[in-house]
Amino acid sequence: MKLPEKIKFVLTARTIEFTLIIIGFFVFWFCSKFEISGDGEIRFNAIIQLIENQEISDIKYSIIGSIFSLPLYFLGWLYKSPEYFLMRYNLILFIVAIIIAYKILIDHLDGGIVRKFVLLVMTASMFPHHVRHYYGEVFTSLSVFVGVLGVTLSNTGLGWLPLILGTANTPASILGLALIVIKRAGKSHRWRYFLYFNLTVLIIVLESWIRRGSIFASGYENDRGFETILPFSGKPGFSYPFFLGLISIFFSFGKGIIFYAPGLLLSLKPYLSVINPNVVTSHRLILWYLAGLVIVYSSWWSWYGGFFWGSRFFLVASITASFSLAFYCHYRSKKIIPSLITLMMLIWSTWVGINGAIFGQYGLDICFRNNYELEFLCWYVPEFSPLFHPFIKNKILADNELIIIGYNFLVFIYLSTPILYLIFKK
């Protein structure tokens, strides 16, 4: 019995997409350049201190997310080394979260959209860079993502657990959680949702009390950067002008969200008729969480996230951006202008993924010399933005880096070919 052509195509597309996803996980694991440095090294040392010396560190960063990496330390005794697996902690979190998210979304969305979303978040987002480090943003972003899906698309209340833990891991994101709670409580009139917010606050203050001796000790007291030529540098806390921080977070060449997650500019409005309303709610709640992060960090002295690639604090933006772009890649417009916009978004997003996975802040040493006196070049000047600098300063690529580029390009070809066909068909 022969299958209809349409069914054949669907089965073929499904097989190709699953194959690309599985290959991607292996490429991530074996070809990415993992490192423990910067804030990640501080978190790493805190975990080592807890295991080997049974001492609780008083570092300013929360270790809630890092606690879940403890099994990997002991796994390293059996194979390779503890560092081998701890360096891959965020990648493991990413893989687990993607699997959970897929299982939730597949019951509410066309499978092709879900798989395209997975491919995009793997190759055309900020995640390829973040999973190479031991920083805390991956835990927070993925916990919030899975938590929101659980809250909106599952009949159980288990989704609040990862939401609470993810927020507690980044106390500055508490406003984002507050906005989600307000939206959910306002819509359902279930005011018990505020208990989840209170529980999160309780966990945050308990961690401060246990690790630093006081519920009021955040670890960021008098925390500040170096004083440079910039007029607001060297000041502690929330000392940066809100409006300057806001426009910098969105539009600066080296840190701007619109450059690192351009899919945020794509509206889901054209597809609302074919999307489960609860899925739309999930998307909007994550955007509200992102809004909370932006509001808080806009006046933080280190709104740029330190000497780190991209929009560090706003990694969750990559989830919503990839989700929107997945719809445009799946439901391809027959009009040339929307098709061109989708293609340009896909090209640039793919470059973001490649740039983060391969180049990072390569060749930008000038931005941390002399106590970071010229670091603002990496924030505002196009030539020193990590996204543009590789076109100015060439890098000799290693074999593993070429494999990553080849894989990302393969995914790009798969996603872009139908769009190109529609464009040139005109």
Protein backbone atom coordinates (compact mmCIF):
# COMPACT_ATOMS: atom_id res chain seq x y z
CA MET A 1 0.00 0.00 0.00
CA LYS A 2 1.42 3.35 -1.05
CA LEU A 3 1.29 6.35 1.27
CA PRO A 4 -0.16 9.62 -0.08
CA GLU A 5 2.50 12.12 -1.11
CA LYS A 6 1.53 14.57 1.65
CA ILE A 7 1.95 11.91 4.34
CA LYS A 8 5.26 10.90 2.81
CA PHE A 9 6.48 14.49 3.01
CA VAL A 10 5.35 14.89 6.62
CA LEU A 11 7.07 11.68 7.63
CA THR A 12 10.22 12.69 5.78
CA ALA A 13 10.25 16.17 7.34
CA ARG A 14 9.70 14.67 10.79
CA THR A 15 12.57 12.23 10.29
CA ILE A 16 14.91 14.93 9.02
CA GLU A 17 14.08 17.25 11.92
CA PHE A 18 14.55 14.56 14.56
CA THR A 19 17.81 13.50 12.93
CA LEU A 20 19.11 17.07 12.93
CA ILE A 21 18.15 17.52 16.58
CA ILE A 22 19.92 14.34 17.68
CA ILE A 23 23.01 15.19 15.63
CA GLY A 24 22.96 18.63 17.22
CA PHE A 25 23.13 17.21 20.73
CA PHE A 26 26.23 15.21 19.79
CA VAL A 27 27.82 18.21 18.09
CA PHE A 28 27.19 20.29 21.21
CA TRP A 29 28.70 17.65 23.50
CA PHE A 30 31.82 16.76 21.55
CA CYS A 31 32.64 19.91 19.59
CA SER A 32 31.79 22.84 21.86
CA LYS A 33 34.65 24.51 23.71
CA PHE A 34 33.58 24.33 27.35
CA GLU A 35 35.17 26.51 30.01
CA ILE A 36 34.73 27.49 33.62
CA SER A 37 35.64 31.14 33.99
CA GLY A 38 34.43 34.48 35.34
CA ASP A 39 31.31 34.26 37.49
CA GLY A 40 31.03 30.62 36.49
CA GLU A 41 34.35 29.88 38.14
CA ILE A 42 33.16 31.51 41.36
CA ARG A 43 30.04 29.33 41.35
CA PHE A 44 32.15 26.28 40.50
CA ASN A 45 34.54 26.90 43.40
CA ALA A 46 31.59 27.32 45.75
CA ILE A 47 30.31 23.86 44.80
CA ILE A 48 33.76 22.30 45.15
CA GLN A 49 34.09 23.96 48.57
CA LEU A 50 30.73 22.51 49.60
CA ILE A 51 31.61 18.98 48.50
CA GLU A 52 35.26 18.71 49.45
CA ASN A 53 35.38 20.91 52.56
CA GLN A 54 31.74 20.74 53.68
CA GLU A 55 31.75 24.54 53.85
CA ILE A 56 29.00 26.83 52.57
CA SER A 57 30.38 29.70 50.53
CA ASP A 58 29.17 33.25 51.12
CA ILE A 59 29.62 34.36 47.49
CA LYS A 60 27.14 36.95 46.26
CA TYR A 61 25.69 34.64 43.62
CA SER A 62 22.92 32.19 44.44
CA ILE A 63 24.03 28.57 44.34
CA ILE A 64 20.50 27.14 44.03
CA GLY A 65 21.00 26.30 40.37
CA SER A 66 24.51 24.99 40.95
CA ILE A 67 23.30 22.59 43.66
CA PHE A 68 21.64 20.46 40.99
CA SER A 69 25.04 19.84 39.39
CA LEU A 70 26.28 17.91 42.43
CA PRO A 71 25.50 14.45 40.93
CA LEU A 72 27.76 15.31 37.99
CA TYR A 73 30.68 15.82 40.35
CA PHE A 74 30.30 12.28 41.68
CA LEU A 75 29.71 10.90 38.18
CA GLY A 76 33.12 12.33 37.32
CA TRP A 77 34.68 9.94 39.82
CA LEU A 78 33.50 7.03 37.70
CA TYR A 79 34.34 8.43 34.27
CA LYS A 80 36.61 11.18 33.03
CA SER A 81 36.70 13.80 35.81
CA PRO A 82 34.31 15.97 37.86
CA GLU A 83 35.32 19.00 35.78
CA TYR A 84 34.42 17.21 32.54
CA PHE A 85 30.78 16.84 33.52
CA LEU A 86 30.44 20.05 35.53
CA MET A 87 31.60 22.03 32.50
CA ARG A 88 28.76 20.41 30.57
CA TYR A 89 26.18 21.04 33.30
CA ASN A 90 24.36 23.76 31.40
CA LEU A 91 24.35 21.67 28.25
CA ILE A 92 22.78 18.78 30.17
CA LEU A 93 20.19 21.17 31.59
CA PHE A 94 19.50 22.39 28.07
CA ILE A 95 18.99 18.88 26.68
CA VAL A 96 16.72 17.84 29.56
CA ALA A 97 14.66 21.05 29.31
CA ILE A 98 14.27 20.66 25.55
CA ILE A 99 13.00 17.09 25.98
CA ILE A 100 10.51 18.14 28.68
CA ALA A 101 9.35 21.15 26.66
CA TYR A 102 8.90 18.99 23.57
CA LYS A 103 6.77 16.48 25.44
CA ILE A 104 4.55 19.28 26.75
CA LEU A 105 4.26 21.29 23.54
CA ILE A 106 3.71 18.37 21.17
CA ASP A 107 0.20 17.87 22.60
CA HIS A 108 -0.75 21.47 21.87
CA LEU A 109 1.08 22.42 18.67
CA ASP A 110 1.86 21.04 15.23
CA GLY A 111 4.91 18.82 15.63
CA GLY A 112 6.69 20.60 12.80
CA ILE A 113 6.55 23.90 14.66
CA VAL A 114 7.86 22.35 17.87
CA ARG A 115 10.78 20.67 16.10
CA LYS A 116 11.64 23.85 14.19
CA PHE A 117 11.60 25.72 17.49
CA VAL A 118 14.04 23.19 18.95
CA LEU A 119 16.34 23.48 15.92
CA LEU A 120 16.27 27.27 16.12
CA VAL A 121 16.98 27.47 19.83
CA MET A 122 19.87 25.02 19.29
CA THR A 123 21.48 26.81 16.35
CA ALA A 124 20.05 30.32 16.02
CA SER A 125 19.97 31.73 19.54
CA MET A 126 22.22 32.72 22.43
CA PHE A 127 22.13 29.23 23.92
CA PRO A 128 25.07 27.79 21.90
CA HIS A 129 27.33 30.21 23.77
CA HIS A 130 25.73 30.01 27.21
CA VAL A 131 25.77 26.21 27.43
CA ARG A 132 29.56 26.29 27.15
CA HIS A 133 29.85 27.99 30.54
CA TYR A 134 28.94 27.33 34.17
CA TYR A 135 27.03 30.58 34.62
CA GLY A 136 23.58 30.71 36.22
CA GLU A 137 21.48 32.23 33.44
CA VAL A 138 20.84 28.91 31.70
CA PHE A 139 19.28 27.37 34.82
CA THR A 140 17.05 30.39 35.38
CA SER A 141 15.93 30.74 31.75
CA LEU A 142 15.20 27.06 31.21
CA SER A 143 13.47 26.67 34.57
CA VAL A 144 11.22 29.60 33.79
CA PHE A 145 10.50 28.23 30.31
CA VAL A 146 9.60 24.74 31.51
CA GLY A 147 7.75 26.18 34.50
CA VAL A 148 5.56 28.46 32.40
CA LEU A 149 4.72 25.57 30.07
CA GLY A 150 3.80 23.44 33.06
CA VAL A 151 1.65 26.18 34.58
CA THR A 152 -0.27 26.96 31.38
CA LEU A 153 -0.37 23.65 29.51
CA SER A 154 -0.45 21.06 32.30
CA ASN A 155 -3.28 20.23 34.66
CA THR A 156 -0.91 19.93 37.60
CA GLY A 157 0.68 22.72 39.62
CA LEU A 158 4.16 21.27 39.24
CA GLY A 159 5.13 24.04 36.84
CA TRP A 160 5.42 26.46 39.72
CA LEU A 161 8.36 24.50 41.20
CA PRO A 162 10.86 25.23 38.39
CA LEU A 163 9.49 28.80 38.19
CA ILE A 164 10.22 29.30 41.87
CA LEU A 165 13.67 27.70 41.74
CA GLY A 166 14.67 29.54 38.56
CA THR A 167 13.66 32.87 40.05
CA ALA A 168 15.35 32.18 43.38
CA ASN A 169 18.53 31.38 41.46
CA THR A 170 18.44 34.94 40.07
CA PRO A 171 16.84 37.13 42.76
CA ALA A 172 16.81 40.11 40.38
CA SER A 173 14.18 38.25 38.34
CA ILE A 174 11.66 38.41 41.19
CA LEU A 175 9.75 41.19 39.39
CA GLY A 176 9.36 38.89 36.38
CA LEU A 177 7.78 36.24 38.59
CA ALA A 178 5.57 38.88 40.20
CA LEU A 179 4.25 39.89 36.79
CA ILE A 180 3.48 36.25 35.92
CA VAL A 181 1.69 35.76 39.24
CA ILE A 182 -0.35 38.94 38.76
CA LYS A 183 -1.34 37.92 35.23
CA ARG A 184 -2.33 34.38 36.28
CA ALA A 185 -4.16 35.48 39.42
CA GLY A 186 -5.96 38.28 37.62
CA LYS A 187 -7.19 35.96 34.87
CA SER A 188 -8.24 33.02 37.04
CA HIS A 189 -9.06 34.90 40.29
CA ARG A 190 -7.00 32.28 42.14
CA TRP A 191 -5.21 34.50 44.61
CA ARG A 192 -3.33 31.53 46.05
CA TYR A 193 -0.82 32.10 43.24
CA PHE A 194 0.62 34.86 45.39
CA LEU A 195 1.71 32.13 47.80
CA TYR A 196 4.19 30.96 45.15
CA PHE A 197 5.63 34.46 45.00
CA ASN A 198 5.91 34.57 48.80
CA LEU A 199 7.56 31.16 48.83
CA THR A 200 10.15 32.38 46.32
CA VAL A 201 10.94 35.42 48.45
CA LEU A 202 11.24 33.13 51.47
CA ILE A 203 13.76 30.89 49.67
CA ILE A 204 15.81 33.92 48.62
CA VAL A 205 16.01 35.35 52.16
CA LEU A 206 16.67 31.92 53.69
CA GLU A 207 19.61 31.41 51.36
CA SER A 208 20.97 34.82 52.39
CA TRP A 209 20.53 33.92 56.04
CA ILE A 210 22.13 30.46 55.76
CA ARG A 211 25.04 31.54 53.57
CA ARG A 212 25.69 35.11 54.72
CA GLY A 213 24.25 35.26 58.23
CA SER A 214 21.46 37.75 57.59
CA ILE A 215 18.24 37.81 55.60
CA PHE A 216 19.20 41.29 54.44
CA ALA A 217 22.68 40.32 53.21
CA SER A 218 22.39 39.94 49.44
CA GLY A 219 26.14 39.82 48.86
CA TYR A 220 25.88 42.82 46.54
CA GLU A 221 26.37 45.44 49.22
CA ASN A 222 28.51 48.22 47.74
CA ASP A 223 29.07 46.08 44.65
CA ARG A 224 30.43 48.27 41.88
CA GLY A 225 32.64 48.34 38.80
CA PHE A 226 35.73 50.31 37.93
CA GLU A 227 35.56 54.04 37.42
CA THR A 228 36.17 54.99 33.79
CA ILE A 229 35.51 57.94 31.50
CA LEU A 230 31.78 57.12 31.56
CA PRO A 231 29.96 59.56 33.87
CA PHE A 232 28.00 56.93 35.84
CA SER A 233 30.79 54.36 36.21
CA GLY A 234 32.16 53.25 39.57
CA LYS A 235 28.85 53.76 41.37
CA PRO A 236 27.19 50.89 43.27
CA GLY A 237 23.80 49.25 43.02
CA PHE A 238 20.94 50.73 41.06
CA SER A 239 22.77 53.90 40.18
CA TYR A 240 22.51 53.86 36.39
CA PRO A 241 19.93 56.15 34.75
CA PHE A 242 16.93 53.96 33.92
CA PHE A 243 16.31 55.34 30.44
CA LEU A 244 19.97 55.01 29.40
CA GLY A 245 20.00 51.44 30.65
CA LEU A 246 16.74 50.65 28.90
CA ILE A 247 17.82 51.82 25.45
CA SER A 248 21.23 50.21 25.91
CA ILE A 249 19.70 46.85 26.84
CA PHE A 250 17.63 46.87 23.66
CA PHE A 251 19.69 48.76 21.09
CA SER A 252 23.41 48.77 21.93
CA PHE A 253 25.41 47.03 19.19
CA GLY A 254 27.34 44.80 21.56
CA LYS A 255 24.64 43.98 24.12
CA GLY A 256 21.27 44.84 22.57
CA ILE A 257 18.53 42.26 22.77
CA ILE A 258 17.26 43.07 19.28
CA PHE A 259 20.66 42.09 17.86
CA TYR A 260 20.97 38.86 19.86
CA ALA A 261 17.30 37.81 19.75
CA PRO A 262 15.86 39.49 16.62
CA GLY A 263 12.91 37.10 16.56
CA LEU A 264 11.41 39.21 19.35
CA LEU A 265 10.40 41.66 16.61
CA LEU A 266 8.15 39.04 15.02
CA SER A 267 4.53 39.07 16.12
CA LEU A 268 2.46 35.92 16.54
CA LYS A 269 -0.69 37.86 15.62
CA PRO A 270 -0.91 36.40 12.06
CA TYR A 271 -1.04 32.88 13.53
CA LEU A 272 -3.35 33.34 16.52
CA SER A 273 -6.16 31.51 14.73
CA VAL A 274 -4.09 28.32 14.49
CA ILE A 275 -2.42 28.42 17.91
CA ASN A 276 -3.83 26.93 21.09
CA PRO A 277 -4.76 29.93 23.30
CA ASN A 278 -2.86 28.41 26.22
CA VAL A 279 0.30 28.30 24.11
CA VAL A 280 -0.15 31.99 23.33
CA THR A 281 -0.52 32.59 27.06
CA SER A 282 2.77 30.75 27.67
CA HIS A 283 4.53 32.93 25.12
CA ARG A 284 3.15 36.11 26.66
CA LEU A 285 4.00 35.10 30.21
CA ILE A 286 7.63 34.56 29.26
CA LEU A 287 7.60 37.99 27.62
CA TRP A 288 6.26 39.43 30.88
CA TYR A 289 9.09 37.70 32.73
CA LEU A 290 11.56 39.23 30.29
CA ALA A 291 9.94 42.64 30.84
CA GLY A 292 10.51 42.26 34.59
CA LEU A 293 14.19 41.51 33.99
CA VAL A 294 14.59 44.53 31.72
CA ILE A 295 12.91 46.86 34.23
CA VAL A 296 15.16 45.68 37.07
CA TYR A 297 18.46 45.63 35.19
CA SER A 298 17.94 48.94 33.37
CA SER A 299 19.11 50.85 36.44
CA TRP A 300 21.68 48.29 37.64
CA TRP A 301 25.25 49.55 37.36
CA SER A 302 26.22 46.40 35.45
CA TRP A 303 23.22 46.29 33.12
CA TYR A 304 25.57 44.89 30.44
CA GLY A 305 26.36 41.74 32.43
CA GLY A 306 30.09 42.27 32.82
CA PHE A 307 32.69 41.09 30.33
CA PHE A 308 30.49 38.38 28.88
CA TRP A 309 29.24 37.74 25.36
CA GLY A 310 25.84 39.09 24.40
CA SER A 311 22.72 39.95 26.37
CA ARG A 312 23.73 37.83 29.31
CA PHE A 313 20.89 38.57 31.74
CA PHE A 314 18.24 38.24 29.05
CA LEU A 315 18.87 34.73 27.76
CA VAL A 316 15.17 33.93 28.13
CA ALA A 317 14.60 36.29 25.18
CA SER A 318 16.11 33.62 22.92
CA ILE A 319 13.27 31.25 23.81
CA THR A 320 10.48 33.61 22.78
CA ALA A 321 12.44 34.80 19.74
CA SER A 322 13.01 31.24 18.51
CA PHE A 323 9.39 30.36 19.19
CA SER A 324 8.10 33.23 17.04
CA LEU A 325 10.58 32.55 14.25
CA ALA A 326 9.53 28.88 14.21
CA PHE A 327 6.00 29.88 13.20
CA TYR A 328 7.28 32.05 10.37
CA CYS A 329 9.50 29.22 9.13
CA HIS A 330 6.67 26.69 9.34
CA TYR A 331 3.72 28.70 8.04
CA ARG A 332 5.61 30.27 5.17
CA SER A 333 3.98 33.35 3.69
CA LYS A 334 3.31 33.40 -0.05
CA LYS A 335 3.97 37.16 -0.07
CA ILE A 336 7.49 38.23 -0.94
CA ILE A 337 8.00 40.90 1.76
CA PRO A 338 7.12 38.65 4.74
CA SER A 339 9.22 35.89 3.16
CA LEU A 340 12.22 38.22 2.85
CA ILE A 341 11.79 39.39 6.45
CA THR A 342 11.66 35.78 7.66
CA LEU A 343 14.76 34.92 5.64
CA MET A 344 16.71 37.90 7.01
CA MET A 345 15.68 37.03 10.56
CA LEU A 346 16.77 33.44 10.02
CA ILE A 347 20.13 34.47 8.54
CA TRP A 348 20.95 36.86 11.36
CA SER A 349 19.71 34.51 14.11
CA THR A 350 21.86 31.73 12.66
CA TRP A 351 24.84 34.06 12.75
CA VAL A 352 24.13 34.81 16.41
CA GLY A 353 24.25 31.08 17.14
CA ILE A 354 27.49 30.55 15.19
CA ASN A 355 29.07 33.67 16.65
CA GLY A 356 28.33 32.59 20.20
CA ALA A 357 29.44 29.00 19.66
CA ILE A 358 32.68 29.84 17.83
CA PHE A 359 33.87 33.40 18.26
CA GLY A 360 32.53 34.69 21.56
CA GLN A 361 34.61 37.73 22.44
CA TYR A 362 37.60 36.68 20.36
CA GLY A 363 40.01 39.54 19.66
CA LEU A 364 38.33 41.96 22.06
CA ASP A 365 41.03 42.02 24.72
CA ILE A 366 41.09 45.81 24.51
CA CYS A 367 37.79 45.87 26.35
CA PHE A 368 39.20 44.54 29.64
CA ARG A 369 42.63 46.14 29.65
CA ASN A 370 43.55 48.78 32.24
CA ASN A 371 40.67 48.00 34.57
CA TYR A 372 38.12 47.90 31.75
CA GLU A 373 38.61 51.57 30.90
CA LEU A 374 37.56 50.94 27.27
CA GLU A 375 34.98 48.23 27.86
CA PHE A 376 32.22 50.53 26.62
CA LEU A 377 33.61 49.99 23.11
CA CYS A 378 32.27 46.44 23.29
CA TRP A 379 28.86 47.74 24.29
CA TYR A 380 28.24 50.54 21.83
CA VAL A 381 30.68 50.57 18.90
CA PRO A 382 29.77 48.23 15.99
CA GLU A 383 33.41 47.45 15.17
CA PHE A 384 33.94 46.10 18.69
CA SER A 385 30.65 44.29 19.02
CA PRO A 386 31.20 40.50 19.24
CA LEU A 387 28.67 40.13 16.42
CA PHE A 388 30.62 42.33 13.98
CA HIS A 389 34.23 41.99 15.10
CA PRO A 390 34.84 38.58 13.44
CA PHE A 391 34.46 40.32 10.06
CA ILE A 392 37.30 42.65 11.05
CA LYS A 393 39.68 40.32 12.84
CA ASN A 394 39.96 36.88 11.29
CA LYS A 395 40.22 33.73 13.35
CA ILE A 396 41.78 30.45 12.26
CA LEU A 397 39.08 27.86 12.84
CA ALA A 398 39.76 24.48 14.42
CA ASP A 399 38.21 21.27 13.12
CA ASN A 400 35.59 21.13 15.89
CA GLU A 401 34.57 24.70 15.10
CA LEU A 402 34.17 23.89 11.42
CA ILE A 403 31.93 20.97 12.38
CA ILE A 404 29.72 23.32 14.43
CA ILE A 405 29.51 25.79 11.56
CA GLY A 406 28.72 22.96 9.15
CA TYR A 407 25.93 21.69 11.39
CA ASN A 408 24.40 25.14 11.86
CA PHE A 409 24.60 25.76 8.13
CA LEU A 410 22.89 22.43 7.48
CA VAL A 411 19.99 23.41 9.74
CA PHE A 412 19.85 26.82 8.06
CA ILE A 413 19.65 25.21 4.61
CA TYR A 414 16.83 22.94 5.76
CA LEU A 415 14.81 25.81 7.23
CA SER A 416 15.54 28.39 4.53
CA THR A 417 15.13 26.31 1.35
CA PRO A 418 11.29 26.40 1.34
CA ILE A 419 11.39 30.15 1.99
CA LEU A 420 13.88 30.72 -0.84
CA TYR A 421 11.69 28.63 -3.12
CA LEU A 422 8.69 30.84 -2.45
CA ILE A 423 10.75 34.00 -2.99
CA PHE A 424 12.27 32.96 -6.32
CA LYS A 425 9.02 31.36 -7.42
CA LYS A 426 7.64 34.89 -7.67
